[in-house]
């Protein structure tokens, strides 16, 4: 798909990886809707920087992706501002570190919140955006999962199961939305400088880096460039690409 002049909605666009994804898309001439949950000033700063640096249109939009009505309002607001949505990047996520063996510590509240943000939210957003993309005759969706969805690891069982669900949701949506909409997924390993990593225990961070073949964390720029590739592609759909410095093979 030609990216110059396309419009992307990036959830969690003010986060550590989300900002890098926004910049990677804007470099290609993509107009960007930067969605945030709480940090309005930060998201507005990201949008202003994108517009100034790359000459694209960019704006910040607040949304609680656990709220179906809010999602409908978000899509309407983005359409009113940009007139179309060509790309959806589901990057917004929530995690809380709970050791796998501590089943009592994995409360219903933690489970429900992680599932609502990491799995149900992306499904609702995809469902809301799909008719727009279908009517346009083209669209790209990219989900940001995790290697925790492919291997029993990560911050908690809930996080791992939610990301596994997101990976399979990618496949199912690829079937549901073809041929107009292509749906793919990036599964990063440990990323430095993100809120998700900040919620991990120190020993998890050290183990993730030291047990990788390349002995380092994954690179946010690599992940963002893969998102760009998945938006540009004409023949890849339903796929998950792992970027983790060589830890998980699938």
Foldseek 3Di string as FASTA:
>chain_A
DQLALAEEEEEVCLWDLNLLLLLLSLQSNYEYEYEYAPPQVSSQVSQVCSCVPRVHHYDYDYADLLDLVRLLVRVVVVCVVRVAHAEYELDWFDAAADDAVPPVVCDPVRLVVRLSRLAVSVVSNCVSRLVRQVVVQAHEYEYEAACLCVPVDARYPSNNVSSVNVLVVQLVVCVVRPDRYAGEYEHEYDDPRGPRNVNHDPVSQCCLQCQAPQSGFFYSNVRSVVSVVRSPDNPDHSYYHYTGNHDDDD
